[in-house]
Amino acid sequence: MKQATQVYSPAFDVAFFSLPQKIRTQIEAKIQELGRLLDVYPHQRLRGRRECRIRVADYRVFYTFDLGRNILYLHEVGNRREVYR
């Protein structure tokens, strides 16, 4: 499968660009991997929510996806202590 189109929410952008550069680089790499493997990636759904999550160090990225259209929607990113509240 080709690389999925990534759609960023405004809240994701604000939170992402406030993170340290080292963490942003790690998150970007993980998102690229997820986009390439969207159809076979082991998605971890959040209980009681539609979103899935990926883990990067102490940070979490919440996302949804549409396999039929090959789109990855990125909703939220933040420190694990804050994003689950």
C-alpha atoms as a PDB file:
ATOM      1  CA  MET A   1       0.000   0.000   0.000  1.00  0.00           C
ATOM      2  CA  LYS A   2       1.273   3.476  -0.806  1.00  0.00           C
ATOM      3  CA  GLN A   3       1.827   6.159   1.820  1.00  0.00           C
ATOM      4  CA  ALA A   4      -1.451   7.320   3.377  1.00  0.00           C
ATOM      5  CA  THR A   5      -2.516  10.945   3.080  1.00  0.00           C
ATOM      6  CA  GLN A   6      -2.105  12.643   6.458  1.00  0.00           C
ATOM      7  CA  VAL A   7      -4.745  15.088   7.670  1.00  0.00           C
ATOM      8  CA  TYR A   8      -3.782  17.103  10.754  1.00  0.00           C
ATOM      9  CA  SER A   9      -6.325  18.737  13.057  1.00  0.00           C
ATOM     10  CA  PRO A  10      -5.627  22.321  14.179  1.00  0.00           C
ATOM     11  CA  ALA A  11      -5.271  21.094  17.788  1.00  0.00           C
ATOM     12  CA  PHE A  12      -2.686  18.530  16.679  1.00  0.00           C
ATOM     13  CA  ASP A  13      -0.635  21.208  14.892  1.00  0.00           C
ATOM     14  CA  VAL A  14      -0.590  23.536  17.896  1.00  0.00           C
ATOM     15  CA  ALA A  15       0.428  20.767  20.302  1.00  0.00           C
ATOM     16  CA  PHE A  16       2.937  19.201  17.899  1.00  0.00           C
ATOM     17  CA  PHE A  17       4.882  22.396  17.221  1.00  0.00           C
ATOM     18  CA  SER A  18       5.127  23.150  20.943  1.00  0.00           C
ATOM     19  CA  LEU A  19       7.026  19.879  21.545  1.00  0.00           C
ATOM     20  CA  PRO A  20      10.842  19.640  21.689  1.00  0.00           C
ATOM     21  CA  GLN A  21      12.522  19.076  18.307  1.00  0.00           C
ATOM     22  CA  LYS A  22      13.873  15.637  19.287  1.00  0.00           C
ATOM     23  CA  ILE A  23      10.383  14.367  20.170  1.00  0.00           C
ATOM     24  CA  ARG A  24       8.871  15.906  17.010  1.00  0.00           C
ATOM     25  CA  THR A  25      11.413  14.028  14.886  1.00  0.00           C
ATOM     26  CA  GLN A  26      10.572  10.734  16.608  1.00  0.00           C
ATOM     27  CA  ILE A  27       6.832  11.334  16.215  1.00  0.00           C
ATOM     28  CA  GLU A  28       7.232  12.229  12.524  1.00  0.00           C
ATOM     29  CA  ALA A  29       9.124   8.971  11.915  1.00  0.00           C
ATOM     30  CA  LYS A  30       6.429   6.936  13.671  1.00  0.00           C
ATOM     31  CA  ILE A  31       3.644   8.678  11.720  1.00  0.00           C
ATOM     32  CA  GLN A  32       5.463   7.974   8.439  1.00  0.00           C
ATOM     33  CA  GLU A  33       5.776   4.297   9.393  1.00  0.00           C
ATOM     34  CA  LEU A  34       2.088   4.178  10.311  1.00  0.00           C
ATOM     35  CA  GLY A  35       1.170   5.798   6.985  1.00  0.00           C
ATOM     36  CA  ARG A  36       3.149   3.231   4.991  1.00  0.00           C
ATOM     37  CA  LEU A  37       1.716   0.260   6.899  1.00  0.00           C
ATOM     38  CA  LEU A  38      -1.809   1.544   7.537  1.00  0.00           C
ATOM     39  CA  ASP A  39      -3.517  -1.646   6.355  1.00  0.00           C
ATOM     40  CA  VAL A  40      -1.369  -4.036   8.458  1.00  0.00           C
ATOM     41  CA  TYR A  41      -0.303  -1.838  11.394  1.00  0.00           C
ATOM     42  CA  PRO A  42      -1.396  -3.186  14.824  1.00  0.00           C
ATOM     43  CA  HIS A  43      -3.808  -0.360  15.717  1.00  0.00           C
ATOM     44  CA  GLN A  44      -4.513   0.030  19.447  1.00  0.00           C
ATOM     45  CA  ARG A  45      -7.994   1.448  19.993  1.00  0.00           C
ATOM     46  CA  LEU A  46      -8.765   3.558  23.032  1.00  0.00           C
ATOM     47  CA  ARG A  47     -11.554   2.307  25.248  1.00  0.00           C
ATOM     48  CA  GLY A  48     -14.747   4.300  24.900  1.00  0.00           C
ATOM     49  CA  ARG A  49     -13.388   6.360  21.996  1.00  0.00           C
ATOM     50  CA  ARG A  50     -13.098   6.028  18.212  1.00  0.00           C
ATOM     51  CA  GLU A  51      -9.419   6.913  18.148  1.00  0.00           C
ATOM     52  CA  CYS A  52      -6.394   4.663  18.127  1.00  0.00           C
ATOM     53  CA  ARG A  53      -3.049   5.572  19.643  1.00  0.00           C
ATOM     54  CA  ILE A  54       0.628   5.265  18.937  1.00  0.00           C
ATOM     55  CA  ARG A  55       3.270   5.579  21.597  1.00  0.00           C
ATOM     56  CA  VAL A  56       6.471   7.580  21.207  1.00  0.00           C
ATOM     57  CA  ALA A  57       8.496   7.770  24.427  1.00  0.00           C
ATOM     58  CA  ASP A  58       6.250   9.528  26.997  1.00  0.00           C
ATOM     59  CA  TYR A  59       4.016  10.977  24.276  1.00  0.00           C
ATOM     60  CA  ARG A  60       0.856   9.664  22.639  1.00  0.00           C
ATOM     61  CA  VAL A  61      -0.622  10.406  19.236  1.00  0.00           C
ATOM     62  CA  PHE A  62      -4.369   9.830  18.812  1.00  0.00           C
ATOM     63  CA  TYR A  63      -5.591   9.133  15.300  1.00  0.00           C
ATOM     64  CA  THR A  64      -8.328   7.600  13.166  1.00  0.00           C
ATOM     65  CA  PHE A  65      -8.041   6.241   9.650  1.00  0.00           C
ATOM     66  CA  ASP A  66     -10.023   5.409   6.543  1.00  0.00           C
ATOM     67  CA  LEU A  67      -8.540   2.392   4.760  1.00  0.00           C
ATOM     68  CA  GLY A  68     -10.858   2.716   1.767  1.00  0.00           C
ATOM     69  CA  ARG A  69      -9.628   6.230   1.019  1.00  0.00           C
ATOM     70  CA  ASN A  70      -6.101   5.624   2.439  1.00  0.00           C
ATOM     71  CA  ILE A  71      -6.289   8.614   4.810  1.00  0.00           C
ATOM     72  CA  LEU A  72      -4.761   9.004   8.271  1.00  0.00           C
ATOM     73  CA  TYR A  73      -6.447  11.618  10.502  1.00  0.00           C
ATOM     74  CA  LEU A  74      -4.211  12.911  13.312  1.00  0.00           C
ATOM     75  CA  HIS A  75      -6.290  14.364  16.148  1.00  0.00           C
ATOM     76  CA  GLU A  76      -4.182  14.910  19.241  1.00  0.00           C
ATOM     77  CA  VAL A  77      -0.622  14.637  20.540  1.00  0.00           C
ATOM     78  CA  GLY A  78       0.742  15.205  24.024  1.00  0.00           C
ATOM     79  CA  ASN A  79       2.390  13.845  27.102  1.00  0.00           C
ATOM     80  CA  ARG A  80       0.778  10.636  28.305  1.00  0.00           C
ATOM     81  CA  ARG A  81      -0.024  12.219  31.680  1.00  0.00           C
ATOM     82  CA  GLU A  82      -2.140  14.906  30.032  1.00  0.00           C
ATOM     83  CA  VAL A  83      -3.803  13.459  26.922  1.00  0.00           C
ATOM     84  CA  TYR A  84      -5.890  10.827  28.686  1.00  0.00           C
ATOM     85  CA  ARG A  85      -7.664  13.417  30.871  1.00  0.00           C
END
